[in-house]
Amino acid sequence: MTTRSSKYVGVFAALVLILVPAPLPAAQPQSSISASTQRSLADVLEEVTPAVVNIAVRSRHPAETNPLYNDPFFRRYFDLPEQQQRLSAGSGVIVDADDGYILTNHHVVADAGEIAVTLKDRRRFTAELVGSDEATDIALVKIDADKLTALSFGDSGALRVGDSVVAIGNPFGLGQTVTSGIVSALGRGGINVEGYEDFIQTDASINPGNSGGALVTADGLLVGINTAIIAPAGGNVGIGFAVPIAMVSAVMEQLIEHGEVRRGRIGISVQDLTPDLAEALSIEESYGAVVGSVEQNSPAAQAGLQAGDVITAVNNRKITGAADLRNRVGLAQVGSEVEIEYLRDRVRKTVTMRVERDEASAKSNSMAARLQGAQFQDAAGNVVVSSIEDGSAAARSGLRAGDVIVAVNRRPIATVAELTAALKNAGGAIALDLFRGGSKFFLVIR
């Protein structure tokens, strides 16, 4: 009994030794390890927020009056203000610390009489307008200052839905504000039908006053300029838009060089490649633009493009559709060469052609430039010049506040919209039929 009992006692002791937990090693502070390898967003923002500025604009707008007061006959009996001062605020982004270049939106500085820039350190400067482009809603201003902080450009083409982004701006004039979110969608359009659009959509809160501010990645790179919101109630509803920095950069280069954007063309009309078209053409591609027509003697015609060709890439970068192709070609430098990849009879081909200037766009810009400084208003079936800025192109052309315009190049007009359309279609000189002080005038603007 004693021997067997000793045997069992030995086995039991062994089991006890196995079951008793061994002392654990000292716990390592894992949070300190992750903290040393992961950079805080607060640290990133300390570096980038000094590059985002407040922009205050003083502009002149026609004074709101009774439509009868716009009649030259009645106007002489009333002492009415021609214009009233208006203040508005927006945001901007310093992108060149040496030359003081600041990106913002066209609609922020449109009709500006004075542009004031306030930095995060509260220094205030008067800015010079370098150039502005309504079609992309991008403008460039410049200040003479030292010790500026500029943002570095990121790659907006590499963004993916779900990437974290931060919007920085001056909403409602409250002062610099930071909001965060994700990229909700890419390649959005349809906000401005006549514009050049490729918007980044984000749910980072963007409110009035954020316009012209920065959309940056989590590592502090500038990927967009905040430009628009969908806000039925007048505030943020989680749908905001930014112009991608790839498009902004192309616009900025032209504004610095020319003071305007000189748009390019290759002489084709295109439409999106739809599944039905792809099936009809017996191709497997789900992206691209189908050539509808080719203008004679255009760069595209000289390069051999034909109706029915499916353009799939420009300069080795895929295009998503007709709007994307229009953006790429329209913002290419006039005189530069573009490489077009296309499909014809399911055979992939590549051709190079030189971009020529879009004269229709240039003509439209020229018309607008010659009447710059004039404000127009609908009034009882006529178009009235409600105000003229002193020293402006419109003033030098001979146009006067109170003039009632009834025709452009002998074509009758009754609304400001009809005036705008007539000016876009005008070529060479502009002949205006107008009434001034009860007398009929014929004014030619060259």
Protein backbone atom coordinates (compact mmCIF):
# COMPACT_ATOMS: atom_id res chain seq x y z
CA MET A 1 0.00 0.00 0.00
CA THR A 2 2.77 2.35 0.86
CA THR A 3 4.51 1.88 -2.50
CA ARG A 4 1.30 2.37 -4.53
CA SER A 5 0.33 5.43 -2.45
CA SER A 6 3.74 6.98 -3.06
CA LYS A 7 3.31 6.41 -6.77
CA TYR A 8 -0.02 8.22 -6.84
CA VAL A 9 1.32 11.06 -4.74
CA GLY A 10 4.14 11.53 -7.27
CA VAL A 11 1.68 11.68 -10.20
CA PHE A 12 -0.54 14.13 -8.34
CA ALA A 13 2.43 16.39 -7.61
CA ALA A 14 3.35 16.38 -11.29
CA LEU A 15 -0.19 17.38 -12.25
CA VAL A 16 -0.15 20.21 -9.73
CA LEU A 17 3.09 21.50 -11.20
CA ILE A 18 1.55 21.42 -14.69
CA LEU A 19 -1.66 23.17 -13.67
CA VAL A 20 -0.13 25.95 -11.57
CA PRO A 21 0.26 28.93 -13.89
CA ALA A 22 3.79 30.13 -14.50
CA PRO A 23 4.57 33.78 -13.69
CA LEU A 24 3.66 36.06 -16.65
CA PRO A 25 6.28 38.37 -18.15
CA ALA A 26 5.86 42.05 -17.43
CA ALA A 27 3.17 43.56 -19.70
CA GLN A 28 4.54 45.80 -22.47
CA PRO A 29 2.86 49.22 -22.99
CA GLN A 30 1.51 48.54 -26.49
CA SER A 31 -0.14 51.97 -26.68
CA SER A 32 3.25 53.66 -26.42
CA ILE A 33 4.57 51.51 -29.28
CA SER A 34 1.65 52.42 -31.60
CA ALA A 35 1.86 56.07 -30.57
CA SER A 36 5.49 56.20 -31.62
CA THR A 37 4.74 54.81 -35.10
CA GLN A 38 1.41 56.53 -35.88
CA ARG A 39 1.36 60.28 -36.43
CA SER A 40 -1.48 62.21 -34.86
CA LEU A 41 -3.79 64.19 -37.16
CA ALA A 42 -3.36 67.10 -34.77
CA ASP A 43 0.36 67.17 -35.61
CA VAL A 44 -0.44 67.22 -39.35
CA LEU A 45 -2.94 70.05 -38.92
CA GLU A 46 -0.43 72.15 -37.00
CA GLU A 47 1.70 72.10 -40.13
CA VAL A 48 -0.96 72.63 -42.80
CA THR A 49 -3.51 75.04 -41.28
CA PRO A 50 -1.20 78.10 -41.54
CA ALA A 51 -1.47 77.69 -45.33
CA VAL A 52 -5.26 78.19 -45.31
CA VAL A 53 -6.33 81.84 -45.28
CA ASN A 54 -9.46 83.93 -44.93
CA ILE A 55 -10.42 86.01 -47.97
CA ALA A 56 -12.66 89.06 -47.56
CA VAL A 57 -14.01 90.68 -50.71
CA ARG A 58 -15.49 94.13 -51.15
CA SER A 59 -17.56 94.28 -54.33
CA ARG A 60 -19.96 96.62 -56.04
CA HIS A 61 -23.46 95.53 -56.95
CA PRO A 62 -26.37 97.41 -58.45
CA ALA A 63 -28.64 98.95 -55.85
CA GLU A 64 -32.00 97.24 -55.59
CA THR A 65 -34.67 99.59 -56.82
CA ASN A 66 -38.16 99.61 -58.25
CA PRO A 67 -38.02 98.48 -61.91
CA LEU A 68 -39.64 101.79 -62.92
CA TYR A 69 -36.52 103.60 -61.71
CA ASN A 70 -34.52 101.88 -64.46
CA ASP A 71 -36.45 103.77 -67.10
CA PRO A 72 -34.26 106.72 -68.19
CA PHE A 73 -37.36 108.96 -68.30
CA PHE A 74 -38.25 108.37 -64.63
CA ARG A 75 -34.67 108.11 -63.43
CA ARG A 76 -33.92 111.82 -63.89
CA TYR A 77 -36.48 112.69 -61.17
CA PHE A 78 -34.96 110.51 -58.46
CA ASP A 79 -31.66 110.76 -56.63
CA LEU A 80 -30.90 107.02 -56.58
CA PRO A 81 -27.63 105.22 -55.78
CA GLU A 82 -26.07 103.55 -58.80
CA GLN A 83 -24.26 100.93 -56.72
CA GLN A 84 -24.04 99.59 -53.22
CA GLN A 85 -21.04 98.08 -51.46
CA ARG A 86 -21.20 94.42 -50.52
CA LEU A 87 -18.84 92.41 -48.30
CA SER A 88 -18.39 88.67 -48.60
CA ALA A 89 -16.01 86.11 -47.18
CA GLY A 90 -14.40 82.91 -48.36
CA SER A 91 -11.22 80.90 -48.01
CA GLY A 92 -7.98 80.38 -49.88
CA VAL A 93 -4.91 78.14 -49.91
CA ILE A 94 -1.29 79.28 -50.14
CA VAL A 95 0.44 77.12 -52.75
CA ASP A 96 3.65 79.10 -53.34
CA ALA A 97 5.32 80.67 -50.30
CA ASP A 98 8.03 82.46 -52.33
CA ASP A 99 5.74 84.22 -54.81
CA GLY A 100 2.71 84.50 -52.51
CA TYR A 101 0.27 82.64 -54.79
CA ILE A 102 -3.08 81.72 -53.22
CA LEU A 103 -5.74 79.52 -54.81
CA THR A 104 -9.43 80.20 -54.22
CA ASN A 105 -12.75 80.00 -56.09
CA HIS A 106 -13.78 82.23 -58.97
CA HIS A 107 -17.12 82.91 -57.30
CA VAL A 108 -15.33 84.13 -54.17
CA VAL A 109 -13.48 86.94 -55.98
CA ALA A 110 -15.86 87.62 -58.89
CA ASP A 111 -16.62 91.35 -59.30
CA ALA A 112 -14.18 92.14 -56.50
CA GLY A 113 -13.19 95.75 -56.01
CA GLU A 114 -10.84 94.88 -53.16
CA ILE A 115 -9.49 91.54 -51.95
CA ALA A 116 -8.11 91.22 -48.42
CA VAL A 117 -6.25 88.14 -47.19
CA THR A 118 -5.91 87.36 -43.49
CA LEU A 119 -3.42 84.70 -42.42
CA LYS A 120 -3.79 82.37 -39.45
CA ASP A 121 -1.25 84.52 -37.55
CA ARG A 122 -3.67 87.46 -38.11
CA ARG A 123 -1.46 89.33 -40.56
CA ARG A 124 -3.59 91.07 -43.19
CA PHE A 125 -2.66 91.86 -46.80
CA THR A 126 -4.31 93.35 -49.87
CA ALA A 127 -4.26 90.78 -52.66
CA GLU A 128 -3.84 91.19 -56.41
CA LEU A 129 -6.02 89.12 -58.73
CA VAL A 130 -3.72 87.15 -61.04
CA GLY A 131 -6.52 85.51 -63.01
CA SER A 132 -9.82 83.70 -62.73
CA ASP A 133 -11.63 80.93 -64.61
CA GLU A 134 -15.40 80.70 -64.26
CA ALA A 135 -15.72 77.34 -66.04
CA THR A 136 -13.69 75.52 -63.35
CA ASP A 137 -14.53 78.00 -60.56
CA ILE A 138 -10.82 78.52 -59.83
CA ALA A 139 -9.05 81.83 -59.22
CA LEU A 140 -5.50 82.78 -58.31
CA VAL A 141 -4.55 85.80 -56.19
CA LYS A 142 -1.17 87.01 -54.98
CA ILE A 143 0.13 88.76 -51.87
CA ASP A 144 3.48 90.33 -51.07
CA ALA A 145 4.45 88.71 -47.77
CA ASP A 146 7.23 86.74 -46.15
CA LYS A 147 7.27 83.77 -43.77
CA LEU A 148 4.40 82.07 -45.56
CA THR A 149 3.47 78.39 -45.31
CA ALA A 150 2.45 76.61 -48.52
CA LEU A 151 0.73 73.27 -49.00
CA SER A 152 2.28 70.53 -51.14
CA PHE A 153 0.18 68.97 -53.90
CA GLY A 154 -1.01 65.40 -53.56
CA ASP A 155 -2.15 63.05 -56.31
CA SER A 156 -5.90 63.50 -56.69
CA GLY A 157 -5.89 60.82 -59.38
CA ALA A 158 -4.83 58.25 -56.79
CA LEU A 159 -7.76 58.95 -54.46
CA ARG A 160 -10.19 56.12 -53.75
CA VAL A 161 -13.69 56.15 -52.33
CA GLY A 162 -13.32 55.71 -48.58
CA ASP A 163 -10.01 57.58 -48.24
CA SER A 164 -9.92 59.91 -45.22
CA VAL A 165 -9.87 63.64 -46.02
CA VAL A 166 -9.99 66.89 -44.04
CA ALA A 167 -11.67 70.14 -45.13
CA ILE A 168 -10.18 73.39 -43.84
CA GLY A 169 -11.84 76.77 -44.34
CA ASN A 170 -13.74 79.70 -42.89
CA PRO A 171 -17.42 78.65 -42.66
CA PHE A 172 -19.94 81.42 -41.98
CA GLY A 173 -17.05 83.79 -41.28
CA LEU A 174 -16.48 82.16 -37.88
CA GLY A 175 -12.74 81.71 -38.37
CA GLN A 176 -10.62 78.78 -39.41
CA THR A 177 -12.43 75.47 -38.94
CA VAL A 178 -11.40 71.86 -39.59
CA THR A 179 -13.84 69.07 -40.45
CA SER A 180 -13.08 65.47 -41.36
CA GLY A 181 -14.72 62.79 -43.45
CA ILE A 182 -14.10 60.46 -46.35
CA VAL A 183 -14.11 60.60 -50.13
CA SER A 184 -17.72 59.75 -50.93
CA ALA A 185 -17.44 59.62 -54.74
CA LEU A 186 -15.13 60.62 -57.58
CA GLY A 187 -15.67 62.16 -61.00
CA ARG A 188 -18.90 63.93 -60.11
CA GLY A 189 -20.41 66.36 -62.64
CA GLY A 190 -23.66 68.08 -63.52
CA ILE A 191 -23.30 70.93 -61.00
CA ASN A 192 -22.56 73.50 -63.70
CA VAL A 193 -23.64 72.23 -67.10
CA GLU A 194 -21.34 74.58 -69.04
CA GLY A 195 -18.39 74.07 -66.70
CA TYR A 196 -15.41 71.73 -66.70
CA GLU A 197 -16.18 69.30 -63.88
CA ASP A 198 -14.53 66.31 -62.25
CA PHE A 199 -15.50 66.88 -58.63
CA ILE A 200 -14.35 64.99 -55.57
CA GLN A 201 -17.42 64.39 -53.40
CA THR A 202 -16.92 64.29 -49.63
CA ASP A 203 -19.01 64.09 -46.49
CA ALA A 204 -16.57 66.35 -44.58
CA SER A 205 -18.73 69.29 -43.50
CA ILE A 206 -18.51 72.12 -46.05
CA ASN A 207 -20.59 75.22 -45.39
CA PRO A 208 -20.87 78.71 -46.92
CA GLY A 209 -17.51 80.41 -46.40
CA ASN A 210 -15.56 77.18 -46.92
CA SER A 211 -15.39 77.99 -50.63
CA GLY A 212 -11.78 78.18 -51.80
CA GLY A 213 -10.52 76.24 -48.79
CA ALA A 214 -8.38 73.11 -48.74
CA LEU A 215 -9.28 69.46 -48.99
CA VAL A 216 -6.26 67.54 -47.70
CA THR A 217 -5.35 63.92 -47.09
CA ALA A 218 -4.58 62.48 -43.64
CA ASP A 219 -0.89 63.11 -44.29
CA GLY A 220 -1.43 66.78 -45.13
CA LEU A 221 -1.26 66.84 -48.95
CA LEU A 222 -3.59 69.14 -50.91
CA VAL A 223 -5.88 67.12 -53.17
CA GLY A 224 -8.73 69.57 -53.82
CA ILE A 225 -10.13 73.09 -53.55
CA ASN A 226 -13.54 73.13 -51.85
CA THR A 227 -16.04 74.73 -54.17
CA ALA A 228 -19.68 73.73 -53.72
CA ILE A 229 -22.27 72.15 -51.48
CA ILE A 230 -25.69 70.65 -52.00
CA ALA A 231 -27.63 72.36 -49.26
CA PRO A 232 -31.43 72.57 -49.59
CA ALA A 233 -31.59 74.14 -46.12
CA GLY A 234 -28.62 76.46 -46.71
CA GLY A 235 -26.10 74.42 -44.71
CA ASN A 236 -24.13 71.20 -44.75
CA VAL A 237 -26.05 67.98 -45.43
CA GLY A 238 -23.03 65.75 -45.93
CA ILE A 239 -22.57 66.36 -49.67
CA GLY A 240 -19.74 68.69 -50.59
CA PHE A 241 -17.55 69.02 -53.67
CA ALA A 242 -13.94 69.93 -54.36
CA VAL A 243 -12.10 70.57 -57.62
CA PRO A 244 -9.32 67.95 -57.86
CA ILE A 245 -5.81 69.37 -57.61
CA ALA A 246 -4.82 67.83 -60.96
CA MET A 247 -7.35 70.11 -62.68
CA VAL A 248 -6.51 73.04 -60.41
CA SER A 249 -2.81 72.75 -61.22
CA ALA A 250 -3.47 72.92 -64.97
CA VAL A 251 -5.67 75.99 -64.51
CA MET A 252 -3.13 77.68 -62.23
CA GLU A 253 -0.31 77.27 -64.75
CA GLN A 254 -2.35 79.04 -67.41
CA LEU A 255 -3.51 81.80 -65.07
CA ILE A 256 0.12 82.55 -64.17
CA GLU A 257 1.23 82.50 -67.80
CA HIS A 258 -1.72 84.16 -69.55
CA GLY A 259 -4.01 85.59 -66.85
CA GLU A 260 -6.74 83.39 -68.30
CA VAL A 261 -7.34 79.81 -69.40
CA ARG A 262 -6.82 79.30 -73.11
CA ARG A 263 -8.75 76.14 -73.79
CA GLY A 264 -7.75 73.52 -76.30
CA ARG A 265 -9.63 71.43 -78.83
CA ILE A 266 -8.91 68.69 -81.35
CA GLY A 267 -12.07 69.02 -83.47
CA ILE A 268 -14.34 66.14 -82.48
CA SER A 269 -17.76 65.62 -80.92
CA VAL A 270 -18.08 62.68 -78.54
CA GLN A 271 -20.55 60.84 -76.33
CA ASP A 272 -20.20 58.39 -73.45
CA LEU A 273 -19.60 54.75 -74.23
CA THR A 274 -22.75 53.06 -72.92
CA PRO A 275 -23.28 49.29 -72.54
CA ASP A 276 -25.58 49.37 -75.57
CA LEU A 277 -22.96 51.11 -77.71
CA ALA A 278 -20.27 48.73 -76.48
CA GLU A 279 -22.47 45.78 -77.48
CA ALA A 280 -23.21 47.33 -80.88
CA LEU A 281 -19.49 47.88 -81.49
CA SER A 282 -18.66 44.36 -80.19
CA ILE A 283 -16.13 45.62 -77.64
CA GLU A 284 -15.66 44.65 -74.01
CA GLU A 285 -14.58 48.05 -72.66
CA SER A 286 -16.92 49.67 -70.14
CA TYR A 287 -15.31 53.10 -70.26
CA GLY A 288 -14.40 55.62 -72.95
CA ALA A 289 -15.88 58.18 -75.36
CA VAL A 290 -17.33 57.40 -78.79
CA VAL A 291 -16.42 59.82 -81.59
CA GLY A 292 -19.63 61.12 -83.16
CA SER A 293 -18.11 63.42 -85.78
CA VAL A 294 -14.75 64.83 -86.87
CA GLU A 295 -14.36 68.36 -88.20
CA GLN A 296 -12.60 68.78 -91.53
CA ASN A 297 -8.97 69.97 -91.36
CA SER A 298 -9.01 69.66 -87.55
CA PRO A 299 -6.12 68.08 -85.62
CA ALA A 300 -8.24 64.94 -85.16
CA ALA A 301 -8.99 64.70 -88.90
CA GLN A 302 -5.34 65.17 -89.82
CA ALA A 303 -4.40 62.42 -87.34
CA GLY A 304 -6.90 60.03 -88.92
CA LEU A 305 -9.61 59.77 -86.25
CA GLN A 306 -13.02 58.72 -87.60
CA ALA A 307 -16.61 58.66 -86.40
CA GLY A 308 -17.21 55.45 -84.45
CA ASP A 309 -13.72 55.31 -82.92
CA VAL A 310 -13.77 54.72 -79.16
CA ILE A 311 -11.24 56.87 -77.30
CA THR A 312 -10.06 55.11 -74.14
CA ALA A 313 -7.04 57.09 -72.91
CA VAL A 314 -5.28 60.44 -73.17
CA ASN A 315 -1.54 60.57 -72.50
CA ASN A 316 -1.60 56.99 -71.16
CA ARG A 317 -4.34 57.74 -68.62
CA LYS A 318 -7.74 56.11 -68.96
CA ILE A 319 -10.75 58.36 -69.49
CA THR A 320 -14.12 57.65 -67.92
CA GLY A 321 -16.29 59.27 -70.57
CA ALA A 322 -17.00 62.27 -72.77
CA ALA A 323 -16.78 64.82 -69.94
CA ASP A 324 -13.42 63.45 -68.83
CA LEU A 325 -12.06 63.70 -72.39
CA ARG A 326 -13.37 67.28 -72.64
CA ASN A 327 -11.59 68.16 -69.41
CA ARG A 328 -8.28 66.65 -70.48
CA VAL A 329 -8.20 68.27 -73.91
CA GLY A 330 -9.77 71.56 -72.83
CA LEU A 331 -7.16 72.14 -70.13
CA ALA A 332 -4.19 71.01 -72.22
CA GLN A 333 -1.80 73.79 -73.22
CA VAL A 334 -2.58 75.14 -76.69
CA GLY A 335 0.15 73.96 -79.05
CA SER A 336 1.07 70.95 -76.93
CA GLU A 337 0.74 67.40 -78.19
CA VAL A 338 -1.61 64.79 -76.77
CA GLU A 339 -1.47 61.05 -77.29
CA ILE A 340 -4.89 59.55 -77.97
CA GLU A 341 -5.49 55.81 -77.55
CA TYR A 342 -8.59 54.46 -79.30
CA LEU A 343 -10.32 51.34 -80.56
CA ARG A 344 -11.37 50.80 -84.17
CA ASP A 345 -12.86 47.48 -85.22
CA ARG A 346 -11.68 46.07 -81.86
CA VAL A 347 -8.07 46.94 -82.74
CA ARG A 348 -6.28 49.23 -80.28
CA LYS A 349 -4.41 52.15 -81.87
CA THR A 350 -2.49 55.21 -80.72
CA VAL A 351 -2.09 58.55 -82.45
CA THR A 352 -0.52 61.90 -81.49
CA MET A 353 -2.01 65.27 -82.41
CA ARG A 354 -1.40 68.92 -81.60
CA VAL A 355 -3.99 70.81 -79.53
CA GLU A 356 -5.33 73.99 -81.12
CA ARG A 357 -7.06 76.88 -79.39
CA ASP A 358 -10.80 76.73 -78.89
CA GLU A 359 -11.73 79.93 -80.72
CA ALA A 360 -15.36 79.73 -79.62
CA SER A 361 -14.23 79.79 -76.00
CA ALA A 362 -11.75 82.57 -76.75
CA LYS A 363 -14.45 84.60 -78.48
CA SER A 364 -16.80 84.17 -75.54
CA ASN A 365 -14.06 85.29 -73.16
CA SER A 366 -13.30 88.26 -75.42
CA MET A 367 -16.94 89.36 -75.45
CA ALA A 368 -17.09 89.15 -71.66
CA ALA A 369 -13.82 91.06 -71.34
CA ARG A 370 -15.08 93.96 -73.47
CA LEU A 371 -18.13 94.39 -71.24
CA GLN A 372 -16.33 93.74 -67.97
CA GLY A 373 -17.44 96.13 -65.24
CA ALA A 374 -21.06 96.36 -66.41
CA GLN A 375 -24.03 94.96 -64.50
CA PHE A 376 -27.27 94.15 -66.34
CA GLN A 377 -30.82 93.74 -65.11
CA ASP A 378 -34.14 92.61 -66.60
CA ALA A 379 -36.75 95.37 -66.59
CA ALA A 380 -40.19 95.23 -68.21
CA GLY A 381 -39.14 93.37 -71.34
CA ASN A 382 -35.84 95.20 -71.72
CA VAL A 383 -32.25 94.87 -70.53
CA VAL A 384 -30.97 97.79 -68.47
CA VAL A 385 -27.35 98.59 -67.66
CA SER A 386 -27.84 98.94 -63.91
CA SER A 387 -24.28 100.00 -63.10
CA ILE A 388 -20.87 100.65 -64.65
CA GLU A 389 -17.61 100.43 -62.74
CA ASP A 390 -15.44 103.51 -63.23
CA GLY A 391 -12.48 102.90 -65.53
CA SER A 392 -13.72 99.44 -66.56
CA ALA A 393 -13.66 98.03 -70.09
CA ALA A 394 -17.42 98.59 -70.37
CA ALA A 395 -17.03 102.24 -69.32
CA ARG A 396 -14.27 102.80 -71.86
CA SER A 397 -16.45 101.29 -74.59
CA GLY A 398 -19.00 104.06 -74.08
CA LEU A 399 -21.69 102.12 -72.23
CA ARG A 400 -23.44 104.07 -69.46
CA ALA A 401 -25.56 103.21 -66.42
CA GLY A 402 -29.24 103.54 -67.31
CA ASP A 403 -28.77 102.52 -70.95
CA VAL A 404 -31.61 100.29 -72.17
CA ILE A 405 -30.31 97.64 -74.61
CA VAL A 406 -32.89 96.39 -77.11
CA ALA A 407 -30.77 94.56 -79.71
CA VAL A 408 -27.35 93.00 -80.28
CA ASN A 409 -26.10 93.05 -83.90
CA ARG A 410 -29.65 93.94 -84.93
CA ARG A 411 -31.03 90.91 -83.10
CA PRO A 412 -33.74 91.94 -80.60
CA ILE A 413 -33.25 90.89 -76.99
CA ALA A 414 -35.59 91.14 -73.99
CA THR A 415 -33.70 89.48 -71.11
CA VAL A 416 -30.21 89.29 -69.67
CA ALA A 417 -30.10 85.61 -70.66
CA GLU A 418 -30.80 86.56 -74.29
CA LEU A 419 -28.10 89.25 -74.09
CA THR A 420 -25.56 86.71 -72.82
CA ALA A 421 -26.45 84.25 -75.59
CA ALA A 422 -26.23 86.94 -78.27
CA LEU A 423 -22.81 88.07 -77.04
CA LYS A 424 -21.50 84.49 -77.09
CA ASN A 425 -22.59 84.12 -80.73
CA ALA A 426 -21.28 87.52 -81.79
CA GLY A 427 -18.14 87.69 -83.91
CA GLY A 428 -15.84 90.68 -84.29
CA ALA A 429 -17.43 93.98 -83.31
CA ILE A 430 -20.56 94.17 -81.14
CA ALA A 431 -23.30 96.54 -82.30
CA LEU A 432 -25.78 97.53 -79.59
CA ASP A 433 -29.13 99.22 -80.19
CA LEU A 434 -29.99 101.12 -77.02
CA PHE A 435 -31.99 104.00 -75.59
CA ARG A 436 -30.33 106.70 -73.49
CA GLY A 437 -32.17 109.67 -72.04
CA GLY A 438 -35.16 109.10 -74.31
CA SER A 439 -33.03 109.02 -77.49
CA LYS A 440 -32.01 106.02 -79.54
CA PHE A 441 -28.29 105.21 -79.81
CA PHE A 442 -26.24 102.81 -81.93
CA LEU A 443 -23.07 101.81 -80.07
CA VAL A 444 -20.29 99.73 -81.64
CA ILE A 445 -17.88 97.96 -79.26
CA ARG A 446 -14.68 96.59 -80.79
